[in-house]
Amino acid sequence: MSSDDTIRSLKEALTHSPENVALRKALGQALLASARYEEAEDELRQALSRDRENVELKLLLASAFHKQSKFSHAMVIVEELVKRPDTSAAAFLLHSKLLFQRGDVEFAVTEYKQAVREDASLRDDGYAAQLGIDADERAAVVDGRVRASWDGDDDDSSPAIDNFERPKITFNDVGGMEALKEEIRMKIIYPLQHREMFAAYGKAIGGGILMYGPPGCGKTHLARATAGEIQAGFISIGINDVLDMWIGNSEKKLHELFQYARSHTPCVLFFDEVDALGASRTDMKTSAARHLVNQFLAEMDGAKASNDGVLILAATNAPWHLDSAFRRPGRFDRILFVPPPDDPARADVLRLQLKGKPVQDIDHEQLAKKTKEFSGADLKAVVDLAVEQKLQEAMKTGRPQPLTTKDLLAAAAKVRPSTREWFSSARNYALYSNQGGVYDDILKYLKM
């Protein structure tokens, strides 16, 4: 039986037994093996919602996150798993790879060796070579210790950047979020549109906004729309674009990105999962990671070059892991909570999601009321599920039919809000680690 046949059979079995955790786990594993990582994530989330303490499911979900480069999501799960007395060798291996991705090579070596000690079949010679395990002392990498490759004294020429773009979308393409849009207008858009007025008050054009909240609520989409609103350049920066195994290279890459933005103003630099680059230095085990945070802070301050016209947006699902120095004036001095969309916003998001699709008499407001706590990504999953159902019917009848409110309501009943998991963690930080009231918006949203 092919992998596609296996997946179809498991999905069919789940229609008859939707609460069967073992079936969902098997489907998640099959989807992972077929590189259908987003689908695997959805199935594993649903399985975990039915068996929240299942360690195997947690590790599989972390693997799905890792395959999608959602490293912060994966790290949150794996850090919990490796503290358990019954931790599997596979958890140590995944922890090693996540640490390596973050630039913490020496700790990655320790975790890899632990994994192989417990299960020799996990040995990966290629990965071990990258870590410098058993390398000659004259080699460039020896057990995670790597030679420095940049001293910070190179010239300030602007390098070529592959991911520079000029977005076409604007705030009109973002459903809801009106208060957030106005905050961004005041911080970023109005200073560009009214330069003389802001100059009269001695207000520089630039600065940073940090957006935080549950995943899938439109932080990245809003950042791209901000650049489109002012016809600015846009560079989306993930940790893969910065982190490097060689000491000094991560700082060099970060410097080059800022240099490119400075030479192409106005330009929006958007840092996704910024907590992976700017994690709290008190929690770090290596000096290399601390050096990267110091470099990041220096670039934001414009220590050696002006950042006038460089607009810095960042997003994180875990603001509590970000170094507190980033919240000082002149850096991320606006910290905006991006909650799940409210009723009107969900209706707007659904209108945008359904645009261009065959529909008939859609009651967006009714759908909005039936999708409490849904993120924008969850709403997209609802629409995709409804479309798939219509396509299945069309394959049988040969006649495509438009989507109706009933179709979307049926699809919504099968999708669980992904935001609940995030709020369960955020609530604790808002209650017990809320220095300066930075997380008051979470408490307000939760009505606590």
Protein backbone atom coordinates (compact mmCIF):
# COMPACT_ATOMS: atom_id res chain seq x y z
CA MET A 1 0.00 0.00 0.00
CA SER A 2 1.38 3.43 -0.96
CA SER A 3 1.77 6.23 1.60
CA ASP A 4 -1.13 8.12 -0.01
CA ASP A 5 -3.34 5.04 0.29
CA THR A 6 -2.35 4.66 3.94
CA ILE A 7 -3.23 8.29 4.65
CA ARG A 8 -6.58 7.96 2.87
CA SER A 9 -7.39 4.80 4.84
CA LEU A 10 -6.52 6.43 8.16
CA LYS A 11 -8.61 9.51 7.34
CA GLU A 12 -11.53 7.28 6.42
CA ALA A 13 -11.17 5.38 9.69
CA LEU A 14 -11.17 8.67 11.62
CA THR A 15 -14.50 9.69 10.10
CA HIS A 16 -15.98 6.71 11.94
CA SER A 17 -13.89 7.12 15.11
CA PRO A 18 -12.86 10.81 15.44
CA GLU A 19 -11.89 10.46 19.13
CA ASN A 20 -9.43 7.62 18.50
CA VAL A 21 -6.05 9.03 19.59
CA ALA A 22 -4.07 6.06 18.28
CA LEU A 23 -5.53 6.56 14.81
CA ARG A 24 -4.69 10.28 14.85
CA LYS A 25 -1.17 9.49 15.99
CA ALA A 26 -0.74 6.99 13.14
CA LEU A 27 -2.10 9.55 10.66
CA GLY A 28 0.26 12.21 12.03
CA GLN A 29 3.22 9.84 11.60
CA ALA A 30 2.15 8.96 8.06
CA LEU A 31 1.79 12.63 7.13
CA LEU A 32 5.22 13.40 8.61
CA ALA A 33 6.75 10.55 6.60
CA SER A 34 5.13 12.00 3.45
CA ALA A 35 6.50 15.50 4.17
CA ARG A 36 2.96 16.87 4.64
CA TYR A 37 4.06 18.75 7.72
CA GLU A 38 1.22 21.27 8.11
CA GLU A 39 -1.38 18.51 7.93
CA ALA A 40 0.65 16.44 10.38
CA GLU A 41 0.75 19.38 12.79
CA ASP A 42 -3.03 19.74 12.64
CA GLU A 43 -3.67 16.04 13.29
CA LEU A 44 -1.16 15.88 16.14
CA ARG A 45 -2.62 18.99 17.76
CA GLN A 46 -6.04 17.38 17.65
CA ALA A 47 -4.67 14.17 19.12
CA LEU A 48 -2.97 16.08 21.95
CA SER A 49 -6.18 17.95 22.72
CA ARG A 50 -7.63 14.53 23.55
CA ASP A 51 -4.56 13.21 25.41
CA ARG A 52 -2.60 16.21 26.69
CA GLU A 53 0.11 14.28 28.57
CA ASN A 54 1.03 11.89 25.77
CA VAL A 55 4.83 12.23 25.47
CA GLU A 56 5.04 10.49 22.09
CA LEU A 57 2.47 12.89 20.60
CA LYS A 58 4.37 15.87 21.98
CA LEU A 59 7.60 14.70 20.37
CA LEU A 60 5.87 14.10 17.04
CA LEU A 61 4.33 17.59 17.17
CA ALA A 62 7.75 19.08 17.94
CA SER A 63 9.13 17.19 14.92
CA ALA A 64 6.36 18.65 12.73
CA PHE A 65 7.25 22.14 13.98
CA HIS A 66 10.96 21.50 13.33
CA LYS A 67 10.28 20.40 9.75
CA GLN A 68 8.36 23.66 9.15
CA SER A 69 11.20 25.75 10.65
CA LYS A 70 8.96 26.71 13.59
CA PHE A 71 11.94 26.36 15.86
CA SER A 72 10.61 28.31 18.84
CA HIS A 73 7.43 26.20 18.88
CA ALA A 74 9.48 23.01 18.76
CA MET A 75 11.92 24.18 21.44
CA VAL A 76 9.13 24.93 23.92
CA ILE A 77 7.93 21.32 23.71
CA VAL A 78 11.35 19.67 23.61
CA GLU A 79 12.74 21.64 26.55
CA GLU A 80 9.90 20.22 28.63
CA LEU A 81 10.48 16.68 27.36
CA VAL A 82 14.23 16.55 28.06
CA LYS A 83 13.60 17.43 31.72
CA ARG A 84 11.52 14.30 32.21
CA PRO A 85 13.11 11.18 33.75
CA ASP A 86 11.59 9.02 30.99
CA THR A 87 12.92 11.16 28.11
CA SER A 88 13.44 9.22 24.89
CA ALA A 89 16.71 9.30 22.96
CA ALA A 90 14.85 10.82 20.01
CA ALA A 91 13.93 13.84 22.16
CA PHE A 92 17.62 14.44 22.96
CA LEU A 93 18.46 14.22 19.24
CA LEU A 94 15.78 16.74 18.29
CA HIS A 95 16.91 19.00 21.14
CA SER A 96 20.45 18.81 19.75
CA LYS A 97 19.30 19.84 16.27
CA LEU A 98 17.29 22.75 17.64
CA LEU A 99 20.26 23.93 19.70
CA PHE A 100 22.51 23.64 16.66
CA GLN A 101 20.02 25.68 14.64
CA ARG A 102 20.10 28.34 17.37
CA GLY A 103 23.90 28.48 17.27
CA ASP A 104 24.45 26.74 20.62
CA VAL A 105 26.80 24.17 19.11
CA GLU A 106 28.60 22.96 22.25
CA PHE A 107 25.34 22.14 24.04
CA ALA A 108 24.09 20.51 20.82
CA VAL A 109 27.10 18.18 20.97
CA THR A 110 26.25 17.18 24.55
CA GLU A 111 22.64 16.37 23.67
CA TYR A 112 23.63 14.45 20.52
CA LYS A 113 26.06 12.29 22.48
CA GLN A 114 23.35 11.58 25.07
CA ALA A 115 20.95 10.50 22.31
CA VAL A 116 23.48 8.14 20.73
CA ARG A 117 24.46 6.68 24.11
CA GLU A 118 20.83 5.71 24.70
CA ASP A 119 20.10 4.55 21.15
CA ALA A 120 23.03 3.82 18.84
CA SER A 121 20.69 3.59 15.82
CA LEU A 122 20.25 7.38 15.98
CA ARG A 123 23.88 7.96 15.05
CA ASP A 124 24.15 10.36 12.10
CA ASP A 125 27.69 10.63 10.73
CA GLY A 126 26.90 13.67 8.60
CA TYR A 127 25.41 15.59 11.50
CA ALA A 128 28.23 14.45 13.82
CA ALA A 129 30.74 15.85 11.34
CA GLN A 130 28.94 19.21 11.37
CA LEU A 131 29.20 19.20 15.15
CA GLY A 132 32.90 18.37 14.96
CA ILE A 133 32.56 15.20 17.04
CA ASP A 134 35.79 13.15 17.09
CA ALA A 135 37.46 15.70 14.80
CA ASP A 136 41.20 16.30 14.75
CA GLU A 137 42.26 19.11 17.09
CA ARG A 138 43.56 21.06 14.07
CA ALA A 139 40.12 21.02 12.45
CA ALA A 140 37.96 24.12 12.30
CA VAL A 141 35.25 22.45 14.40
CA VAL A 142 36.04 20.24 17.38
CA ASP A 143 33.18 19.08 19.59
CA GLY A 144 31.20 22.21 18.96
CA ARG A 145 34.06 24.66 19.47
CA VAL A 146 34.47 26.67 16.29
CA ARG A 147 36.95 29.26 15.13
CA ALA A 148 35.99 32.92 14.91
CA SER A 149 35.42 34.14 11.35
CA TRP A 150 34.47 37.81 11.72
CA ASP A 151 35.89 40.50 13.97
CA GLY A 152 33.36 43.20 13.12
CA ASP A 153 35.89 45.43 11.36
CA ASP A 154 34.98 44.76 7.73
CA ASP A 155 33.78 47.54 5.46
CA ASP A 156 30.20 48.74 5.48
CA SER A 157 29.41 47.92 1.86
CA SER A 158 25.87 46.77 1.22
CA PRO A 159 25.62 43.08 0.32
CA ALA A 160 23.11 41.44 -1.99
CA ILE A 161 20.02 40.21 -0.15
CA ASP A 162 17.91 37.49 -1.75
CA ASN A 163 14.68 38.07 0.19
CA PHE A 164 14.17 41.79 -0.48
CA GLU A 165 10.68 42.51 -1.80
CA ARG A 166 8.15 45.30 -2.28
CA PRO A 167 4.79 43.97 -1.07
CA LYS A 168 1.64 44.80 -2.99
CA ILE A 169 -0.77 44.21 -0.11
CA THR A 170 -1.91 47.04 2.18
CA PHE A 171 -3.97 47.39 5.35
CA ASN A 172 -7.08 46.89 3.22
CA ASP A 173 -5.97 43.27 2.81
CA VAL A 174 -5.77 42.71 6.58
CA GLY A 175 -9.03 41.80 8.28
CA GLY A 176 -9.75 43.67 11.52
CA MET A 177 -6.85 44.77 13.79
CA GLU A 178 -7.91 48.43 13.57
CA ALA A 179 -6.28 49.47 16.87
CA LEU A 180 -3.03 47.79 15.86
CA LYS A 181 -3.08 49.43 12.46
CA GLU A 182 -3.47 52.86 14.08
CA GLU A 183 -0.53 52.19 16.42
CA ILE A 184 1.63 51.26 13.41
CA ARG A 185 0.43 54.33 11.49
CA MET A 186 1.52 56.58 14.35
CA LYS A 187 4.89 54.92 14.82
CA ILE A 188 5.86 54.16 11.21
CA ILE A 189 3.53 55.51 8.53
CA TYR A 190 2.75 59.07 9.64
CA PRO A 191 6.45 59.97 10.21
CA LEU A 192 7.12 59.10 6.56
CA GLN A 193 4.05 60.88 5.23
CA HIS A 194 4.56 64.00 7.38
CA ARG A 195 8.33 64.33 7.64
CA GLU A 196 8.36 68.08 8.30
CA MET A 197 5.89 67.88 11.19
CA PHE A 198 7.82 65.09 12.90
CA ALA A 199 11.14 66.84 12.23
CA ALA A 200 9.79 69.96 13.94
CA TYR A 201 9.45 67.92 17.11
CA GLY A 202 12.85 66.33 16.62
CA LYS A 203 11.29 62.94 16.01
CA ALA A 204 13.45 60.58 13.93
CA ILE A 205 11.90 58.32 11.33
CA GLY A 206 12.38 54.73 12.42
CA GLY A 207 12.26 52.63 15.54
CA GLY A 208 10.81 49.29 16.46
CA ILE A 209 7.50 47.60 17.15
CA LEU A 210 7.28 44.17 18.75
CA MET A 211 4.10 42.20 18.10
CA TYR A 212 3.29 39.20 20.26
CA GLY A 213 0.41 36.81 20.63
CA PRO A 214 -0.75 33.31 19.70
CA PRO A 215 0.47 31.87 16.40
CA GLY A 216 -1.61 32.25 13.28
CA CYS A 217 -3.17 35.62 14.19
CA GLY A 218 -1.67 37.64 11.36
CA LYS A 219 1.53 39.19 12.74
CA THR A 220 3.57 38.40 9.62
CA HIS A 221 0.73 39.43 7.29
CA LEU A 222 0.38 42.74 9.13
CA ALA A 223 4.12 43.43 8.88
CA ARG A 224 4.10 42.82 5.13
CA ALA A 225 1.03 45.02 4.72
CA THR A 226 2.81 47.80 6.65
CA ALA A 227 5.57 47.85 4.04
CA GLY A 228 2.98 47.82 1.25
CA GLU A 229 1.09 50.71 2.87
CA ILE A 230 4.12 53.02 2.55
CA GLN A 231 5.57 51.40 -0.61
CA ALA A 232 8.69 50.48 1.33
CA GLY A 233 11.10 47.64 0.85
CA PHE A 234 10.50 44.58 3.00
CA ILE A 235 12.96 41.99 4.29
CA SER A 236 11.54 39.08 6.26
CA ILE A 237 14.23 37.60 8.50
CA GLY A 238 13.97 34.19 10.11
CA ILE A 239 16.57 32.56 12.29
CA ASN A 240 17.87 30.59 9.28
CA ASP A 241 18.86 33.91 7.68
CA VAL A 242 21.08 34.85 10.63
CA LEU A 243 22.25 31.92 12.73
CA ASP A 244 25.45 30.22 11.63
CA MET A 245 27.56 27.50 13.24
CA TRP A 246 30.73 29.61 12.88
CA ILE A 247 31.46 32.02 15.69
CA GLY A 248 31.13 35.54 14.36
CA ASN A 249 29.22 34.67 11.20
CA SER A 250 25.81 35.22 12.80
CA GLU A 251 26.80 38.73 13.87
CA LYS A 252 28.18 39.41 10.39
CA LYS A 253 24.96 38.27 8.68
CA LEU A 254 22.86 40.44 10.99
CA HIS A 255 25.09 43.44 10.32
CA GLU A 256 24.78 42.89 6.56
CA LEU A 257 20.98 42.80 6.75
CA PHE A 258 20.89 46.12 8.61
CA GLN A 259 23.40 47.61 6.17
CA TYR A 260 21.24 46.60 3.22
CA ALA A 261 18.14 48.11 4.83
CA ARG A 262 20.03 51.38 5.54
CA SER A 263 20.99 51.66 1.89
CA HIS A 264 17.42 50.98 0.66
CA THR A 265 15.30 53.25 2.85
CA PRO A 266 12.46 53.34 3.55
CA CYS A 267 12.76 49.68 4.42
CA VAL A 268 10.91 47.43 6.84
CA LEU A 269 13.04 44.80 8.56
CA PHE A 270 10.75 42.10 9.91
CA PHE A 271 12.18 39.60 12.41
CA ASP A 272 9.99 36.51 12.74
CA GLU A 273 10.35 34.46 15.95
CA VAL A 274 12.65 37.20 17.23
CA ASP A 275 12.99 35.48 20.62
CA ALA A 276 15.23 32.90 18.88
CA LEU A 277 17.70 35.68 17.99
CA GLY A 278 17.27 37.88 21.04
CA ALA A 279 16.74 35.42 23.87
CA SER A 280 17.45 36.51 27.42
CA ARG A 281 21.22 36.54 27.97
CA THR A 282 20.82 35.33 31.55
CA ASP A 283 19.46 32.02 30.20
CA MET A 284 22.29 31.48 27.70
CA LYS A 285 24.96 28.84 28.14
CA THR A 286 27.45 30.15 25.54
CA SER A 287 29.20 33.46 25.00
CA ALA A 288 28.55 33.20 21.22
CA ALA A 289 24.79 33.53 21.75
CA ARG A 290 25.32 36.51 24.04
CA HIS A 291 27.53 38.17 21.42
CA LEU A 292 24.70 37.89 18.88
CA VAL A 293 22.24 39.62 21.22
CA ASN A 294 24.79 42.39 21.86
CA GLN A 295 25.25 42.82 18.10
CA PHE A 296 21.48 42.95 17.59
CA LEU A 297 21.14 45.67 20.23
CA ALA A 298 24.00 47.67 18.72
CA GLU A 299 22.44 47.50 15.24
CA MET A 300 19.08 48.68 16.59
CA ASP A 301 20.77 51.57 18.38
CA GLY A 302 22.50 52.63 15.16
CA ALA A 303 25.80 52.69 17.02
CA LYS A 304 27.94 52.97 13.88
CA ALA A 305 25.37 54.03 11.25
CA SER A 306 22.07 55.90 11.23
CA ASN A 307 18.87 53.88 11.19
CA ASP A 308 16.81 56.81 9.96
CA GLY A 309 14.23 55.34 7.58
CA VAL A 310 14.81 51.76 8.77
CA LEU A 311 11.57 50.48 10.28
CA ILE A 312 11.93 47.45 12.50
CA LEU A 313 9.02 45.11 13.14
CA ALA A 314 9.31 41.86 15.02
CA ALA A 315 6.97 39.05 15.99
CA THR A 316 7.14 36.44 18.71
CA ASN A 317 4.88 33.89 20.31
CA ALA A 318 7.02 33.95 23.47
CA PRO A 319 7.86 37.54 24.48
CA TRP A 320 8.86 36.33 27.95
CA HIS A 321 11.96 34.72 26.43
CA LEU A 322 13.15 37.98 24.82
CA ASP A 323 16.01 39.85 26.51
CA SER A 324 14.60 42.78 28.51
CA ALA A 325 17.15 45.15 26.94
CA PHE A 326 15.14 45.04 23.70
CA ARG A 327 12.28 46.85 25.44
CA ARG A 328 14.24 49.99 26.21
CA PRO A 329 13.35 53.30 24.45
CA GLY A 330 14.66 53.51 20.90
CA ARG A 331 14.51 49.75 20.40
CA PHE A 332 11.18 47.89 20.61
CA ASP A 333 9.53 50.76 22.42
CA ARG A 334 6.05 49.74 21.25
CA ILE A 335 4.97 46.27 22.34
CA LEU A 336 1.63 45.32 20.80
CA PHE A 337 -0.52 42.35 21.75
CA VAL A 338 -2.04 40.70 18.66
CA PRO A 339 -5.04 38.74 19.98
CA PRO A 340 -7.21 36.31 18.07
CA PRO A 341 -9.60 38.29 15.85
CA ASP A 342 -12.88 39.42 17.42
CA ASP A 343 -16.30 38.84 15.82
CA PRO A 344 -16.13 41.69 13.23
CA ALA A 345 -12.51 40.85 12.44
CA ARG A 346 -13.30 37.15 11.93
CA ALA A 347 -16.07 38.14 9.54
CA ASP A 348 -13.58 40.32 7.63
CA VAL A 349 -11.00 37.53 7.57
CA LEU A 350 -13.57 35.09 6.20
CA ARG A 351 -14.55 37.57 3.50
CA LEU A 352 -10.92 37.84 2.45
CA GLN A 353 -10.42 34.06 2.61
CA LEU A 354 -13.52 33.43 0.48
CA LYS A 355 -12.70 36.10 -2.09
CA GLY A 356 -12.53 34.58 -5.58
CA LYS A 357 -14.18 31.31 -4.52
CA PRO A 358 -17.67 30.19 -5.63
CA VAL A 359 -20.02 31.06 -2.76
CA GLN A 360 -23.76 31.42 -2.22
CA ASP A 361 -25.54 33.42 0.51
CA ILE A 362 -22.69 33.38 3.03
CA ASP A 363 -23.64 34.73 6.46
CA HIS A 364 -20.23 35.95 7.59
CA GLU A 365 -21.55 37.28 10.90
CA GLN A 366 -23.09 33.94 11.87
CA LEU A 367 -19.85 32.17 11.01
CA ALA A 368 -17.91 34.69 13.09
CA LYS A 369 -20.09 33.96 16.13
CA LYS A 370 -19.54 30.22 15.74
CA THR A 371 -15.73 30.51 15.55
CA LYS A 372 -14.84 32.04 18.93
CA GLU A 373 -11.11 31.86 19.77
CA PHE A 374 -10.23 30.98 16.17
CA SER A 375 -7.04 32.53 14.78
CA GLY A 376 -6.70 33.69 11.19
CA ALA A 377 -4.87 30.45 10.42
CA ASP A 378 -7.70 28.46 11.99
CA LEU A 379 -10.23 30.28 9.79
CA LYS A 380 -8.13 29.47 6.73
CA ALA A 381 -8.23 25.81 7.82
CA VAL A 382 -12.04 26.03 8.02
CA VAL A 383 -12.29 27.40 4.47
CA ASP A 384 -9.79 24.85 3.13
CA LEU A 385 -11.70 22.00 4.79
CA ALA A 386 -15.01 23.20 3.35
CA VAL A 387 -13.45 23.50 -0.12
CA GLU A 388 -12.03 19.98 0.11
CA GLN A 389 -15.47 18.62 1.02
CA LYS A 390 -17.05 20.40 -1.96
CA LEU A 391 -14.36 19.04 -4.26
CA GLN A 392 -15.03 15.50 -3.03
CA GLU A 393 -18.73 15.95 -3.81
CA ALA A 394 -17.91 17.43 -7.23
CA MET A 395 -15.70 14.43 -8.07
CA LYS A 396 -18.66 12.13 -7.46
CA THR A 397 -21.40 14.16 -9.17
CA GLY A 398 -19.36 15.91 -11.84
CA ARG A 399 -21.12 19.20 -10.91
CA PRO A 400 -19.25 21.79 -8.78
CA GLN A 401 -21.49 23.53 -6.23
CA PRO A 402 -20.87 26.86 -4.45
CA LEU A 403 -19.88 27.03 -0.80
CA THR A 404 -22.69 27.82 1.61
CA THR A 405 -22.89 28.91 5.22
CA LYS A 406 -23.90 25.36 6.15
CA ASP A 407 -20.73 23.96 4.54
CA LEU A 408 -18.52 26.35 6.46
CA LEU A 409 -20.30 25.71 9.76
CA ALA A 410 -19.80 21.97 9.29
CA ALA A 411 -16.10 22.53 8.60
CA ALA A 412 -15.75 24.84 11.62
CA ALA A 413 -17.13 22.11 13.88
CA LYS A 414 -14.16 19.91 12.90
CA VAL A 415 -11.45 22.52 13.62
CA ARG A 416 -10.28 23.18 17.17
CA PRO A 417 -8.98 26.68 18.02
CA SER A 418 -5.18 26.55 18.17
CA THR A 419 -5.03 29.65 20.41
CA ARG A 420 -6.10 27.83 23.59
CA GLU A 421 -2.74 26.12 24.00
CA TRP A 422 -0.92 29.46 23.80
CA PHE A 423 -3.19 31.18 26.31
CA SER A 424 -2.71 28.37 28.82
CA SER A 425 1.02 29.26 28.94
CA ALA A 426 0.59 33.02 28.55
CA ARG A 427 -1.81 33.19 31.50
CA ASN A 428 0.93 32.07 33.91
CA TYR A 429 3.43 34.65 32.66
CA ALA A 430 0.81 37.41 32.78
CA LEU A 431 -0.09 36.53 36.35
CA TYR A 432 3.34 35.87 37.84
CA SER A 433 5.99 37.53 35.60
CA ASN A 434 4.28 40.76 34.60
CA GLN A 435 6.99 43.30 35.40
CA GLY A 436 5.88 46.81 34.50
CA GLY A 437 2.49 45.56 33.35
CA VAL A 438 3.86 44.49 29.97
CA TYR A 439 1.34 41.62 29.77
CA ASP A 440 -1.69 43.53 31.05
CA ASP A 441 -3.29 43.16 27.61
CA ILE A 442 -3.33 39.39 28.06
CA LEU A 443 -5.09 39.70 31.41
CA LYS A 444 -7.55 42.18 29.90
CA TYR A 445 -8.29 39.82 27.02
CA LEU A 446 -8.81 36.92 29.45
CA LYS A 447 -10.98 39.20 31.67
CA MET A 448 -8.85 38.46 34.72
